[in-house]
Amino acid sequence: MKILLTLFSIIPIVLSLACASDSNSKKLPTAKEINGKFPEVNMPRGNFPEAKQLDANFPKAKQLKVKFPEPKFLDADFPEARLPQIKFPQIKIRESKDLMVITLPADVLFDFDKDEIRPDANQALQEIKEAIAANYSNNSMQINGHTDSIAADEYNQALSERRAMSVLRWLAEKGGISENRMQIVGYGEKFPIAPDTNSDGSDNSEGRQKNRRVEIVILKTK
């Protein structure tokens, strides 16, 4: 009997505590209820620069009205020549009755697979600039770019054009030669002067090095 009375006395207390707990507990908001209660963040326009798309194409040099021959400068037709201003040992000079051809190895001008002229190439280009100023100050010229055949044709073509353009820019900006007298042509791997491979199919590194070159072709007649 005492146990029953004790139970009946405890039950109201438990019920009252449960009700108090329910009344004090907070209802968790749903995702839908949360949405919209936070203010929108307005990003100020104009504070963040837009990403610019780089133009991968080099600007084209002006094309002269004069037509230059294909770069098939055989030694028999173009014997070695000399210009007193040019002393750089790796520059090769040849001439015919109508043309003066100054050839620079690309490895002198550029790092491998690059089109930016190296700082240590300034001496060679400076001598060429002085020779042009002293002997062909008003003559038209064409700058030919050549590569080896290691990469794809399209890649080599674009690289040869960029390298020729880099030489033109140097001659114009640092050499003071008018761009109106110059034009560029990229020949890629089309006109090698040495085989890129040996007879057994192995790599001919010396031949490839000779093929990577830039030619400055000057018309002797104004």
N, C-alpha and C. Protein backbone atom coordinates (compact mmCIF):
# COMPACT_ATOMS: atom_id res chain seq x y z
N MET A 1 0.83 -1.21 0.00
CA MET A 1 0.00 0.00 0.00
C MET A 1 0.87 1.26 0.00
N LYS A 2 1.89 1.25 0.80
CA LYS A 2 2.80 2.40 0.86
C LYS A 2 3.51 2.61 -0.47
N ILE A 3 3.83 1.48 -1.16
CA ILE A 3 4.52 1.60 -2.46
C ILE A 3 3.63 2.28 -3.48
N LEU A 4 2.32 1.93 -3.50
CA LEU A 4 1.39 2.54 -4.45
C LEU A 4 1.26 4.03 -4.20
N LEU A 5 1.14 4.38 -2.90
CA LEU A 5 1.02 5.80 -2.57
C LEU A 5 2.24 6.57 -3.03
N THR A 6 3.42 5.92 -2.87
CA THR A 6 4.65 6.59 -3.28
C THR A 6 4.69 6.82 -4.79
N LEU A 7 4.26 5.80 -5.55
CA LEU A 7 4.22 5.92 -7.01
C LEU A 7 3.28 7.01 -7.44
N PHE A 8 2.07 7.07 -6.82
CA PHE A 8 1.08 8.09 -7.21
C PHE A 8 1.58 9.50 -6.90
N SER A 9 2.42 9.58 -5.89
CA SER A 9 2.94 10.91 -5.54
C SER A 9 4.07 11.34 -6.48
N ILE A 10 4.79 10.38 -7.06
CA ILE A 10 5.92 10.70 -7.95
C ILE A 10 5.43 11.06 -9.35
N ILE A 11 4.38 10.40 -9.84
CA ILE A 11 3.90 10.58 -11.21
C ILE A 11 3.60 12.04 -11.52
N PRO A 12 2.87 12.79 -10.71
CA PRO A 12 2.62 14.22 -11.04
C PRO A 12 3.89 15.04 -11.17
N ILE A 13 4.88 14.69 -10.34
CA ILE A 13 6.14 15.45 -10.40
C ILE A 13 6.83 15.21 -11.72
N VAL A 14 6.89 13.95 -12.17
CA VAL A 14 7.54 13.61 -13.45
C VAL A 14 6.83 14.28 -14.60
N LEU A 15 5.49 14.27 -14.58
CA LEU A 15 4.72 14.89 -15.66
C LEU A 15 4.95 16.39 -15.73
N SER A 16 5.02 17.02 -14.55
CA SER A 16 5.24 18.47 -14.53
C SER A 16 6.62 18.82 -15.07
N LEU A 17 7.61 18.00 -14.76
CA LEU A 17 8.96 18.26 -15.27
C LEU A 17 9.01 18.08 -16.79
N ALA A 18 8.32 17.09 -17.31
CA ALA A 18 8.30 16.85 -18.75
C ALA A 18 7.64 18.01 -19.48
N CYS A 19 6.57 18.53 -18.91
CA CYS A 19 5.89 19.65 -19.56
C CYS A 19 6.77 20.89 -19.56
N ALA A 20 7.46 21.09 -18.47
CA ALA A 20 8.35 22.25 -18.40
C ALA A 20 9.46 22.15 -19.41
N SER A 21 9.97 20.93 -19.57
CA SER A 21 11.05 20.73 -20.55
C SER A 21 10.58 21.01 -21.95
N ASP A 22 9.35 20.56 -22.28
CA ASP A 22 8.80 20.82 -23.62
C ASP A 22 8.58 22.29 -23.86
N SER A 23 8.12 23.00 -22.86
CA SER A 23 7.82 24.42 -23.05
C SER A 23 9.08 25.24 -23.20
N ASN A 24 10.19 24.79 -22.56
CA ASN A 24 11.43 25.55 -22.62
C ASN A 24 12.29 25.20 -23.83
N SER A 25 12.06 24.02 -24.43
CA SER A 25 12.88 23.62 -25.58
C SER A 25 12.54 24.45 -26.79
N LYS A 26 13.55 24.70 -27.64
CA LYS A 26 13.35 25.50 -28.85
C LYS A 26 13.23 24.60 -30.06
N LYS A 27 12.38 24.95 -30.93
CA LYS A 27 12.18 24.18 -32.16
C LYS A 27 13.27 24.57 -33.16
N LEU A 28 13.99 23.53 -33.68
CA LEU A 28 15.04 23.79 -34.66
C LEU A 28 14.43 24.22 -35.97
N PRO A 29 14.92 25.31 -36.57
CA PRO A 29 14.36 25.76 -37.84
C PRO A 29 14.76 24.82 -38.98
N THR A 30 13.88 24.67 -39.92
CA THR A 30 14.19 23.88 -41.10
C THR A 30 15.01 24.72 -42.07
N ALA A 31 15.57 24.02 -43.06
CA ALA A 31 16.36 24.73 -44.08
C ALA A 31 15.51 25.76 -44.80
N LYS A 32 14.26 25.41 -45.01
CA LYS A 32 13.38 26.34 -45.72
C LYS A 32 13.14 27.59 -44.90
N GLU A 33 13.02 27.41 -43.56
CA GLU A 33 12.79 28.57 -42.70
C GLU A 33 14.03 29.46 -42.62
N ILE A 34 15.22 28.84 -42.67
CA ILE A 34 16.45 29.64 -42.60
C ILE A 34 16.62 30.48 -43.83
N ASN A 35 16.27 29.92 -44.98
CA ASN A 35 16.49 30.60 -46.25
C ASN A 35 15.77 31.93 -46.27
N GLY A 36 16.51 32.97 -46.57
CA GLY A 36 15.89 34.29 -46.68
C GLY A 36 16.04 35.13 -45.44
N LYS A 37 16.48 34.54 -44.33
CA LYS A 37 16.65 35.32 -43.12
C LYS A 37 17.98 36.07 -43.07
N PHE A 38 18.92 35.63 -43.92
CA PHE A 38 20.21 36.31 -43.96
C PHE A 38 20.21 37.31 -45.10
N PRO A 39 20.73 38.49 -44.91
CA PRO A 39 20.74 39.49 -46.00
C PRO A 39 21.65 39.03 -47.14
N GLU A 40 21.25 39.38 -48.36
CA GLU A 40 22.07 39.06 -49.52
C GLU A 40 23.34 39.90 -49.51
N VAL A 41 24.42 39.28 -49.98
CA VAL A 41 25.69 39.99 -50.08
C VAL A 41 25.80 40.60 -51.48
N ASN A 42 25.82 41.88 -51.56
CA ASN A 42 25.95 42.56 -52.84
C ASN A 42 27.41 42.81 -53.14
N MET A 43 27.96 42.12 -54.15
CA MET A 43 29.35 42.30 -54.53
C MET A 43 29.47 43.58 -55.35
N PRO A 44 30.30 44.50 -54.93
CA PRO A 44 30.44 45.76 -55.70
C PRO A 44 31.05 45.50 -57.06
N ARG A 45 30.42 46.02 -58.09
CA ARG A 45 30.93 45.87 -59.44
C ARG A 45 32.13 46.77 -59.67
N GLY A 46 33.03 46.28 -60.45
CA GLY A 46 34.18 47.09 -60.83
C GLY A 46 35.36 46.96 -59.88
N ASN A 47 35.17 46.30 -58.74
CA ASN A 47 36.27 46.16 -57.80
C ASN A 47 37.19 45.01 -58.16
N PHE A 48 36.70 44.08 -58.95
CA PHE A 48 37.49 42.93 -59.33
C PHE A 48 37.72 42.96 -60.83
N PRO A 49 38.98 43.01 -61.27
CA PRO A 49 39.24 43.09 -62.72
C PRO A 49 38.82 41.81 -63.43
N GLU A 50 38.31 41.99 -64.63
CA GLU A 50 37.95 40.83 -65.43
C GLU A 50 39.20 40.17 -65.97
N ALA A 51 39.13 38.84 -66.10
CA ALA A 51 40.26 38.12 -66.68
C ALA A 51 40.36 38.44 -68.16
N LYS A 52 41.53 38.78 -68.59
CA LYS A 52 41.74 39.14 -69.98
C LYS A 52 42.20 37.91 -70.77
N GLN A 53 41.67 37.76 -71.96
CA GLN A 53 42.10 36.70 -72.84
C GLN A 53 43.35 37.15 -73.58
N LEU A 54 44.42 36.39 -73.41
CA LEU A 54 45.66 36.76 -74.06
C LEU A 54 45.59 36.45 -75.54
N ASP A 55 46.11 37.33 -76.34
CA ASP A 55 46.18 37.10 -77.78
C ASP A 55 47.45 36.32 -78.06
N ALA A 56 47.28 35.06 -78.46
CA ALA A 56 48.45 34.19 -78.68
C ALA A 56 49.13 34.48 -80.01
N ASN A 57 48.48 35.25 -80.85
CA ASN A 57 49.04 35.50 -82.18
C ASN A 57 49.97 36.70 -82.15
N PHE A 58 51.13 36.53 -82.76
CA PHE A 58 52.05 37.66 -82.88
C PHE A 58 51.49 38.63 -83.91
N PRO A 59 51.67 39.92 -83.71
CA PRO A 59 51.25 40.86 -84.75
C PRO A 59 52.03 40.62 -86.04
N LYS A 60 51.37 40.75 -87.14
CA LYS A 60 52.00 40.51 -88.43
C LYS A 60 52.85 41.70 -88.86
N ALA A 61 54.00 41.39 -89.41
CA ALA A 61 54.84 42.45 -89.96
C ALA A 61 54.27 42.88 -91.31
N LYS A 62 54.57 44.11 -91.67
CA LYS A 62 54.11 44.60 -92.97
C LYS A 62 54.78 43.82 -94.09
N GLN A 63 54.00 43.52 -95.09
CA GLN A 63 54.54 42.82 -96.25
C GLN A 63 54.97 43.83 -97.31
N LEU A 64 56.22 43.70 -97.72
CA LEU A 64 56.77 44.61 -98.72
C LEU A 64 56.27 44.22 -100.11
N LYS A 65 56.31 45.18 -101.00
CA LYS A 65 55.91 44.91 -102.38
C LYS A 65 56.96 44.09 -103.12
N VAL A 66 58.17 44.10 -102.60
CA VAL A 66 59.26 43.36 -103.24
C VAL A 66 59.12 41.88 -102.90
N LYS A 67 59.31 41.02 -103.89
CA LYS A 67 59.23 39.59 -103.68
C LYS A 67 60.63 39.01 -103.52
N PHE A 68 60.82 38.28 -102.43
CA PHE A 68 62.10 37.65 -102.16
C PHE A 68 62.06 36.19 -102.63
N PRO A 69 63.19 35.64 -103.04
CA PRO A 69 63.20 34.24 -103.48
C PRO A 69 63.11 33.28 -102.30
N GLU A 70 62.78 32.02 -102.59
CA GLU A 70 62.80 31.00 -101.55
C GLU A 70 64.22 30.84 -101.01
N PRO A 71 64.34 30.46 -99.74
CA PRO A 71 65.67 30.42 -99.12
C PRO A 71 66.47 29.17 -99.50
N LYS A 72 66.79 29.08 -100.77
CA LYS A 72 67.64 27.99 -101.25
C LYS A 72 68.99 28.59 -101.63
N PHE A 73 69.75 28.92 -100.59
CA PHE A 73 70.99 29.65 -100.79
C PHE A 73 72.16 28.67 -100.85
N LEU A 74 72.33 28.06 -102.00
CA LEU A 74 73.38 27.08 -102.19
C LEU A 74 74.74 27.76 -102.18
N ASP A 75 75.71 27.06 -101.64
CA ASP A 75 77.06 27.63 -101.54
C ASP A 75 77.63 27.99 -102.90
N ALA A 76 77.26 27.21 -103.92
CA ALA A 76 77.79 27.49 -105.26
C ALA A 76 77.28 28.82 -105.79
N ASP A 77 76.04 29.14 -105.44
CA ASP A 77 75.45 30.39 -105.92
C ASP A 77 75.65 31.55 -104.95
N PHE A 78 75.96 31.23 -103.71
CA PHE A 78 76.12 32.25 -102.67
C PHE A 78 77.45 32.02 -101.95
N PRO A 79 78.54 32.45 -102.52
CA PRO A 79 79.84 32.29 -101.86
C PRO A 79 79.91 33.15 -100.60
N GLU A 80 80.83 32.76 -99.72
CA GLU A 80 80.99 33.51 -98.48
C GLU A 80 81.42 34.95 -98.77
N ALA A 81 80.92 35.85 -97.94
CA ALA A 81 81.24 37.28 -98.08
C ALA A 81 81.70 37.81 -96.72
N ARG A 82 82.03 39.06 -96.73
CA ARG A 82 82.52 39.68 -95.49
C ARG A 82 81.94 41.08 -95.35
N LEU A 83 81.52 41.38 -94.14
CA LEU A 83 81.14 42.74 -93.76
C LEU A 83 82.00 43.12 -92.57
N PRO A 84 82.80 44.17 -92.69
CA PRO A 84 83.79 44.47 -91.64
C PRO A 84 83.20 44.71 -90.27
N GLN A 85 81.95 45.11 -90.19
CA GLN A 85 81.32 45.39 -88.89
C GLN A 85 80.99 44.10 -88.13
N ILE A 86 80.89 42.99 -88.85
CA ILE A 86 80.48 41.73 -88.23
C ILE A 86 81.71 40.88 -87.92
N LYS A 87 81.93 40.65 -86.64
CA LYS A 87 83.07 39.86 -86.18
C LYS A 87 82.63 38.65 -85.36
N PHE A 88 81.36 38.56 -85.08
CA PHE A 88 80.84 37.46 -84.27
C PHE A 88 81.09 36.16 -85.01
N PRO A 89 81.79 35.19 -84.40
CA PRO A 89 82.27 34.03 -85.15
C PRO A 89 81.17 33.12 -85.70
N GLN A 90 80.01 33.09 -85.09
CA GLN A 90 78.97 32.15 -85.52
C GLN A 90 78.02 32.73 -86.57
N ILE A 91 78.23 33.96 -86.96
CA ILE A 91 77.42 34.56 -88.02
C ILE A 91 78.03 34.20 -89.37
N LYS A 92 77.21 33.69 -90.25
CA LYS A 92 77.67 33.33 -91.59
C LYS A 92 77.12 34.34 -92.59
N ILE A 93 77.99 34.84 -93.47
CA ILE A 93 77.59 35.84 -94.46
C ILE A 93 77.85 35.29 -95.86
N ARG A 94 76.84 35.37 -96.71
CA ARG A 94 76.97 34.95 -98.10
C ARG A 94 76.28 35.98 -98.99
N GLU A 95 76.65 35.97 -100.25
CA GLU A 95 76.03 36.94 -101.14
C GLU A 95 76.01 36.42 -102.57
N SER A 96 75.06 36.98 -103.29
CA SER A 96 74.99 36.79 -104.73
C SER A 96 75.03 38.18 -105.37
N LYS A 97 74.76 38.23 -106.64
CA LYS A 97 74.75 39.53 -107.30
C LYS A 97 73.65 40.43 -106.74
N ASP A 98 72.53 39.83 -106.33
CA ASP A 98 71.37 40.62 -105.92
C ASP A 98 71.08 40.60 -104.43
N LEU A 99 71.60 39.61 -103.72
CA LEU A 99 71.22 39.43 -102.32
C LEU A 99 72.44 39.33 -101.41
N MET A 100 72.27 39.82 -100.19
CA MET A 100 73.21 39.60 -99.09
C MET A 100 72.45 38.80 -98.03
N VAL A 101 73.02 37.65 -97.62
CA VAL A 101 72.34 36.76 -96.68
C VAL A 101 73.18 36.65 -95.41
N ILE A 102 72.62 37.08 -94.28
CA ILE A 102 73.28 36.99 -92.98
C ILE A 102 72.53 35.94 -92.17
N THR A 103 73.24 34.87 -91.77
CA THR A 103 72.60 33.76 -91.08
C THR A 103 73.10 33.67 -89.64
N LEU A 104 72.16 33.59 -88.72
CA LEU A 104 72.48 33.43 -87.30
C LEU A 104 71.90 32.11 -86.81
N PRO A 105 72.67 31.31 -86.11
CA PRO A 105 72.09 30.10 -85.48
C PRO A 105 71.04 30.50 -84.46
N ALA A 106 69.92 29.81 -84.47
CA ALA A 106 68.87 30.12 -83.50
C ALA A 106 69.35 29.90 -82.08
N ASP A 107 70.28 28.97 -81.89
CA ASP A 107 70.78 28.71 -80.54
C ASP A 107 71.58 29.87 -79.98
N VAL A 108 72.06 30.77 -80.84
CA VAL A 108 72.73 31.99 -80.38
C VAL A 108 71.69 33.00 -79.90
N LEU A 109 70.55 33.01 -80.56
CA LEU A 109 69.53 34.03 -80.27
C LEU A 109 68.54 33.62 -79.19
N PHE A 110 68.18 32.33 -79.14
CA PHE A 110 67.05 31.90 -78.31
C PHE A 110 67.43 30.69 -77.46
N ASP A 111 66.74 30.57 -76.33
CA ASP A 111 66.80 29.32 -75.58
C ASP A 111 65.96 28.28 -76.32
N PHE A 112 66.16 27.03 -75.96
CA PHE A 112 65.47 25.94 -76.64
C PHE A 112 63.95 26.13 -76.57
N ASP A 113 63.33 26.08 -77.74
CA ASP A 113 61.86 26.13 -77.86
C ASP A 113 61.28 27.48 -77.45
N LYS A 114 62.10 28.53 -77.40
CA LYS A 114 61.62 29.85 -77.01
C LYS A 114 61.75 30.83 -78.18
N ASP A 115 61.06 31.98 -78.05
CA ASP A 115 61.14 33.00 -79.09
C ASP A 115 61.58 34.35 -78.55
N GLU A 116 61.98 34.41 -77.29
CA GLU A 116 62.49 35.65 -76.71
C GLU A 116 64.00 35.71 -76.89
N ILE A 117 64.49 36.82 -77.41
CA ILE A 117 65.93 36.95 -77.66
C ILE A 117 66.68 37.02 -76.33
N ARG A 118 67.71 36.22 -76.22
CA ARG A 118 68.51 36.17 -75.01
C ARG A 118 69.37 37.42 -74.89
N PRO A 119 69.64 37.88 -73.66
CA PRO A 119 70.47 39.08 -73.49
C PRO A 119 71.86 38.94 -74.11
N ASP A 120 72.43 37.73 -74.08
CA ASP A 120 73.78 37.58 -74.62
C ASP A 120 73.81 37.54 -76.15
N ALA A 121 72.64 37.66 -76.78
CA ALA A 121 72.59 37.74 -78.24
C ALA A 121 72.71 39.18 -78.74
N ASN A 122 72.72 40.13 -77.83
CA ASN A 122 72.76 41.54 -78.22
C ASN A 122 74.01 41.89 -79.02
N GLN A 123 75.13 41.29 -78.68
CA GLN A 123 76.36 41.62 -79.39
C GLN A 123 76.26 41.25 -80.86
N ALA A 124 75.78 40.05 -81.15
CA ALA A 124 75.64 39.61 -82.53
C ALA A 124 74.68 40.51 -83.30
N LEU A 125 73.54 40.83 -82.70
CA LEU A 125 72.56 41.68 -83.38
C LEU A 125 73.08 43.11 -83.52
N GLN A 126 73.83 43.57 -82.56
CA GLN A 126 74.40 44.91 -82.65
C GLN A 126 75.35 45.02 -83.84
N GLU A 127 76.19 44.00 -84.03
CA GLU A 127 77.11 44.01 -85.17
C GLU A 127 76.34 43.98 -86.50
N ILE A 128 75.28 43.20 -86.55
CA ILE A 128 74.47 43.15 -87.77
C ILE A 128 73.81 44.49 -88.03
N LYS A 129 73.31 45.11 -86.98
CA LYS A 129 72.69 46.44 -87.14
C LYS A 129 73.69 47.44 -87.69
N GLU A 130 74.91 47.42 -87.18
CA GLU A 130 75.93 48.35 -87.65
C GLU A 130 76.31 48.08 -89.10
N ALA A 131 76.35 46.81 -89.48
CA ALA A 131 76.66 46.48 -90.87
C ALA A 131 75.56 46.94 -91.81
N ILE A 132 74.31 46.78 -91.39
CA ILE A 132 73.19 47.23 -92.22
C ILE A 132 73.22 48.75 -92.34
N ALA A 133 73.45 49.45 -91.24
CA ALA A 133 73.47 50.91 -91.26
C ALA A 133 74.59 51.44 -92.15
N ALA A 134 75.74 50.75 -92.15
CA ALA A 134 76.88 51.24 -92.92
C ALA A 134 76.80 50.90 -94.40
N ASN A 135 76.15 49.78 -94.73
CA ASN A 135 76.19 49.31 -96.11
C ASN A 135 74.84 49.27 -96.82
N TYR A 136 73.75 49.13 -96.05
CA TYR A 136 72.43 48.97 -96.67
C TYR A 136 71.39 49.78 -95.89
N SER A 137 71.65 51.05 -95.77
CA SER A 137 70.84 51.89 -94.88
C SER A 137 69.42 52.12 -95.36
N ASN A 138 69.18 51.91 -96.66
CA ASN A 138 67.83 52.14 -97.18
C ASN A 138 67.29 50.94 -97.95
N ASN A 139 67.92 49.80 -97.80
CA ASN A 139 67.52 48.63 -98.58
C ASN A 139 66.44 47.82 -97.87
N SER A 140 65.63 47.15 -98.67
CA SER A 140 64.59 46.27 -98.12
C SER A 140 65.22 44.95 -97.69
N MET A 141 64.61 44.33 -96.67
CA MET A 141 65.14 43.06 -96.19
C MET A 141 64.01 42.17 -95.69
N GLN A 142 64.28 40.88 -95.74
CA GLN A 142 63.32 39.89 -95.25
C GLN A 142 64.02 39.03 -94.21
N ILE A 143 63.31 38.76 -93.11
CA ILE A 143 63.86 37.95 -92.02
C ILE A 143 63.16 36.60 -92.06
N ASN A 144 63.94 35.55 -92.31
CA ASN A 144 63.41 34.19 -92.42
C ASN A 144 63.67 33.41 -91.14
N GLY A 145 62.64 32.73 -90.65
CA GLY A 145 62.79 31.85 -89.49
C GLY A 145 62.73 30.40 -89.92
N HIS A 146 63.62 29.58 -89.36
CA HIS A 146 63.68 28.15 -89.69
C HIS A 146 63.79 27.33 -88.40
N THR A 147 63.26 26.11 -88.42
CA THR A 147 63.36 25.21 -87.28
C THR A 147 63.87 23.85 -87.75
N ASP A 148 64.10 22.95 -86.79
CA ASP A 148 64.35 21.56 -87.15
C ASP A 148 63.00 20.85 -87.28
N SER A 149 63.01 19.54 -87.40
CA SER A 149 61.76 18.80 -87.68
C SER A 149 61.29 17.99 -86.48
N ILE A 150 61.71 18.35 -85.29
CA ILE A 150 61.36 17.54 -84.12
C ILE A 150 59.86 17.61 -83.81
N ALA A 151 59.30 18.76 -83.75
CA ALA A 151 57.89 18.92 -83.36
C ALA A 151 56.98 18.81 -84.58
N ALA A 152 55.68 19.03 -84.37
CA ALA A 152 54.70 18.98 -85.46
C ALA A 152 54.91 20.15 -86.41
N ASP A 153 54.48 19.96 -87.66
CA ASP A 153 54.67 20.99 -88.68
C ASP A 153 54.07 22.33 -88.26
N GLU A 154 52.84 22.28 -87.74
CA GLU A 154 52.15 23.51 -87.37
C GLU A 154 52.88 24.23 -86.25
N TYR A 155 53.38 23.48 -85.30
CA TYR A 155 54.11 24.09 -84.19
C TYR A 155 55.39 24.74 -84.68
N ASN A 156 56.13 24.04 -85.52
CA ASN A 156 57.39 24.58 -86.04
C ASN A 156 57.14 25.82 -86.89
N GLN A 157 56.06 25.80 -87.65
CA GLN A 157 55.74 26.96 -88.48
C GLN A 157 55.51 28.20 -87.61
N ALA A 158 54.70 28.04 -86.57
CA ALA A 158 54.42 29.17 -85.68
C ALA A 158 55.67 29.64 -84.95
N LEU A 159 56.50 28.70 -84.51
CA LEU A 159 57.73 29.07 -83.80
C LEU A 159 58.67 29.85 -84.71
N SER A 160 58.80 29.41 -85.96
CA SER A 160 59.69 30.12 -86.89
C SER A 160 59.20 31.54 -87.16
N GLU A 161 57.90 31.74 -87.22
CA GLU A 161 57.36 33.08 -87.43
C GLU A 161 57.62 33.97 -86.22
N ARG A 162 57.42 33.43 -85.03
CA ARG A 162 57.64 34.23 -83.82
C ARG A 162 59.11 34.62 -83.67
N ARG A 163 59.98 33.70 -83.99
CA ARG A 163 61.41 34.02 -83.88
C ARG A 163 61.83 35.08 -84.88
N ALA A 164 61.33 34.97 -86.11
CA ALA A 164 61.64 35.99 -87.10
C ALA A 164 61.11 37.36 -86.66
N MET A 165 59.91 37.35 -86.07
CA MET A 165 59.33 38.61 -85.59
C MET A 165 60.14 39.19 -84.44
N SER A 166 60.68 38.36 -83.58
CA SER A 166 61.50 38.85 -82.48
C SER A 166 62.75 39.56 -82.99
N VAL A 167 63.36 39.02 -84.03
CA VAL A 167 64.54 39.66 -84.62
C VAL A 167 64.15 40.98 -85.27
N LEU A 168 63.02 40.99 -85.97
CA LEU A 168 62.56 42.24 -86.57
C LEU A 168 62.34 43.31 -85.51
N ARG A 169 61.71 42.93 -84.43
CA ARG A 169 61.44 43.90 -83.36
C ARG A 169 62.74 44.43 -82.77
N TRP A 170 63.72 43.55 -82.58
CA TRP A 170 65.00 44.01 -82.04
C TRP A 170 65.63 45.02 -82.99
N LEU A 171 65.67 44.71 -84.27
CA LEU A 171 66.28 45.62 -85.24
C LEU A 171 65.54 46.95 -85.32
N ALA A 172 64.23 46.91 -85.14
CA ALA A 172 63.45 48.15 -85.20
C ALA A 172 63.58 48.95 -83.91
N GLU A 173 63.46 48.30 -82.76
CA GLU A 173 63.41 49.02 -81.49
C GLU A 173 64.80 49.37 -80.97
N LYS A 174 65.76 48.46 -81.12
CA LYS A 174 67.10 48.72 -80.60
C LYS A 174 68.10 49.09 -81.69
N GLY A 175 67.79 48.71 -82.92
CA GLY A 175 68.70 49.01 -84.02
C GLY A 175 68.33 50.23 -84.82
N GLY A 176 67.13 50.77 -84.58
CA GLY A 176 66.71 51.98 -85.29
C GLY A 176 66.41 51.77 -86.75
N ILE A 177 66.15 50.54 -87.19
CA ILE A 177 65.84 50.27 -88.59
C ILE A 177 64.33 50.36 -88.78
N SER A 178 63.91 51.07 -89.79
CA SER A 178 62.48 51.27 -90.03
C SER A 178 61.79 49.95 -90.33
N GLU A 179 60.66 49.73 -89.68
CA GLU A 179 59.88 48.52 -89.95
C GLU A 179 59.33 48.51 -91.38
N ASN A 180 59.23 49.66 -92.00
CA ASN A 180 58.73 49.73 -93.36
C ASN A 180 59.70 49.09 -94.37
N ARG A 181 60.91 48.84 -93.93
CA ARG A 181 61.90 48.20 -94.82
C ARG A 181 62.00 46.70 -94.60
N MET A 182 61.27 46.18 -93.61
CA MET A 182 61.45 44.78 -93.22
C MET A 182 60.14 44.00 -93.29
N GLN A 183 60.28 42.74 -93.57
CA GLN A 183 59.16 41.81 -93.48
C GLN A 183 59.70 40.47 -92.98
N ILE A 184 58.79 39.63 -92.48
CA ILE A 184 59.21 38.33 -91.97
C ILE A 184 58.51 37.21 -92.75
N VAL A 185 59.15 36.05 -92.76
CA VAL A 185 58.55 34.83 -93.28
C VAL A 185 59.01 33.68 -92.39
N GLY A 186 58.07 32.89 -91.93
CA GLY A 186 58.41 31.68 -91.19
C GLY A 186 58.32 30.48 -92.12
N TYR A 187 59.38 29.71 -92.20
CA TYR A 187 59.40 28.54 -93.08
C TYR A 187 59.32 27.23 -92.30
N GLY A 188 59.30 27.30 -90.99
CA GLY A 188 59.23 26.07 -90.21
C GLY A 188 60.40 25.15 -90.54
N GLU A 189 60.08 23.91 -90.86
CA GLU A 189 61.09 22.90 -91.16
C GLU A 189 61.22 22.63 -92.66
N LYS A 190 60.67 23.51 -93.49
CA LYS A 190 60.56 23.23 -94.93
C LYS A 190 61.90 23.28 -95.67
N PHE A 191 62.85 24.06 -95.19
CA PHE A 191 64.10 24.25 -95.93
C PHE A 191 65.31 23.91 -95.06
N PRO A 192 65.51 22.63 -94.78
CA PRO A 192 66.69 22.25 -93.98
C PRO A 192 67.97 22.41 -94.80
N ILE A 193 69.05 22.66 -94.09
CA ILE A 193 70.36 22.73 -94.75
C ILE A 193 71.24 21.55 -94.32
N ALA A 194 70.70 20.69 -93.46
CA ALA A 194 71.41 19.49 -93.02
C ALA A 194 70.36 18.46 -92.60
N PRO A 195 70.68 17.17 -92.67
CA PRO A 195 69.71 16.15 -92.25
C PRO A 195 69.52 16.14 -90.74
N ASP A 196 68.28 15.96 -90.29
CA ASP A 196 68.00 15.87 -88.86
C ASP A 196 68.30 14.49 -88.29
N THR A 197 68.42 13.49 -89.17
CA THR A 197 68.73 12.13 -88.73
C THR A 197 69.91 11.60 -89.53
N ASN A 198 70.61 10.66 -88.94
CA ASN A 198 71.72 9.99 -89.62
C ASN A 198 71.19 8.89 -90.54
N SER A 199 72.07 8.31 -91.33
CA SER A 199 71.66 7.28 -92.29
C SER A 199 71.07 6.05 -91.60
N ASP A 200 71.47 5.80 -90.35
CA ASP A 200 70.92 4.65 -89.62
C ASP A 200 69.65 4.99 -88.85
N GLY A 201 69.13 6.22 -89.03
CA GLY A 201 67.88 6.62 -88.37
C GLY A 201 68.07 7.27 -87.01
N SER A 202 69.29 7.31 -86.52
CA SER A 202 69.54 7.94 -85.22
C SER A 202 69.52 9.46 -85.35
N ASP A 203 69.40 10.12 -84.22
CA ASP A 203 69.30 11.58 -84.19
C ASP A 203 70.61 12.23 -84.60
N ASN A 204 70.51 13.25 -85.44
CA ASN A 204 71.67 14.03 -85.85
C ASN A 204 71.56 15.40 -85.20
N SER A 205 72.07 15.53 -83.99
CA SER A 205 71.92 16.77 -83.23
C SER A 205 72.63 17.94 -83.92
N GLU A 206 73.77 17.68 -84.55
CA GLU A 206 74.49 18.76 -85.24
C GLU A 206 73.69 19.26 -86.43
N GLY A 207 73.07 18.34 -87.15
CA GLY A 207 72.24 18.74 -88.28
C GLY A 207 71.03 19.56 -87.84
N ARG A 208 70.40 19.12 -86.76
CA ARG A 208 69.25 19.87 -86.26
C ARG A 208 69.66 21.27 -85.82
N GLN A 209 70.82 21.37 -85.22
CA GLN A 209 71.31 22.68 -84.77
C GLN A 209 71.52 23.62 -85.95
N LYS A 210 72.03 23.10 -87.05
CA LYS A 210 72.23 23.93 -88.24
C LYS A 210 70.89 24.39 -88.83
N ASN A 211 69.90 23.55 -88.76
CA ASN A 211 68.61 23.89 -89.34
C ASN A 211 67.86 24.95 -88.54
N ARG A 212 68.11 25.01 -87.25
CA ARG A 212 67.49 26.06 -86.42
C ARG A 212 68.27 27.35 -86.62
N ARG A 213 67.71 28.24 -87.40
CA ARG A 213 68.46 29.44 -87.80
C ARG A 213 67.51 30.58 -88.16
N VAL A 214 68.08 31.76 -88.22
CA VAL A 214 67.38 32.95 -88.71
C VAL A 214 68.25 33.58 -89.78
N GLU A 215 67.64 33.91 -90.91
CA GLU A 215 68.35 34.55 -92.02
C GLU A 215 67.83 35.95 -92.23
N ILE A 216 68.75 36.89 -92.36
CA ILE A 216 68.39 38.25 -92.73
C ILE A 216 68.83 38.42 -94.19
N VAL A 217 67.87 38.52 -95.08
CA VAL A 217 68.14 38.58 -96.52
C VAL A 217 67.94 40.03 -96.96
N ILE A 218 68.98 40.61 -97.51
CA ILE A 218 68.96 42.03 -97.89
C ILE A 218 69.03 42.15 -99.39
N LEU A 219 68.13 42.93 -99.96
CA LEU A 219 68.20 43.25 -101.40
C LEU A 219 69.28 44.29 -101.61
N LYS A 220 70.22 43.98 -102.47
CA LYS A 220 71.31 44.93 -102.70
C LYS A 220 70.83 46.16 -103.46
N THR A 221 69.86 45.98 -104.33
CA THR A 221 69.30 47.10 -105.08
C THR A 221 68.21 47.75 -104.22
N LYS A 222 68.20 49.07 -104.21
CA LYS A 222 67.23 49.79 -103.39
C LYS A 222 65.87 49.87 -104.07
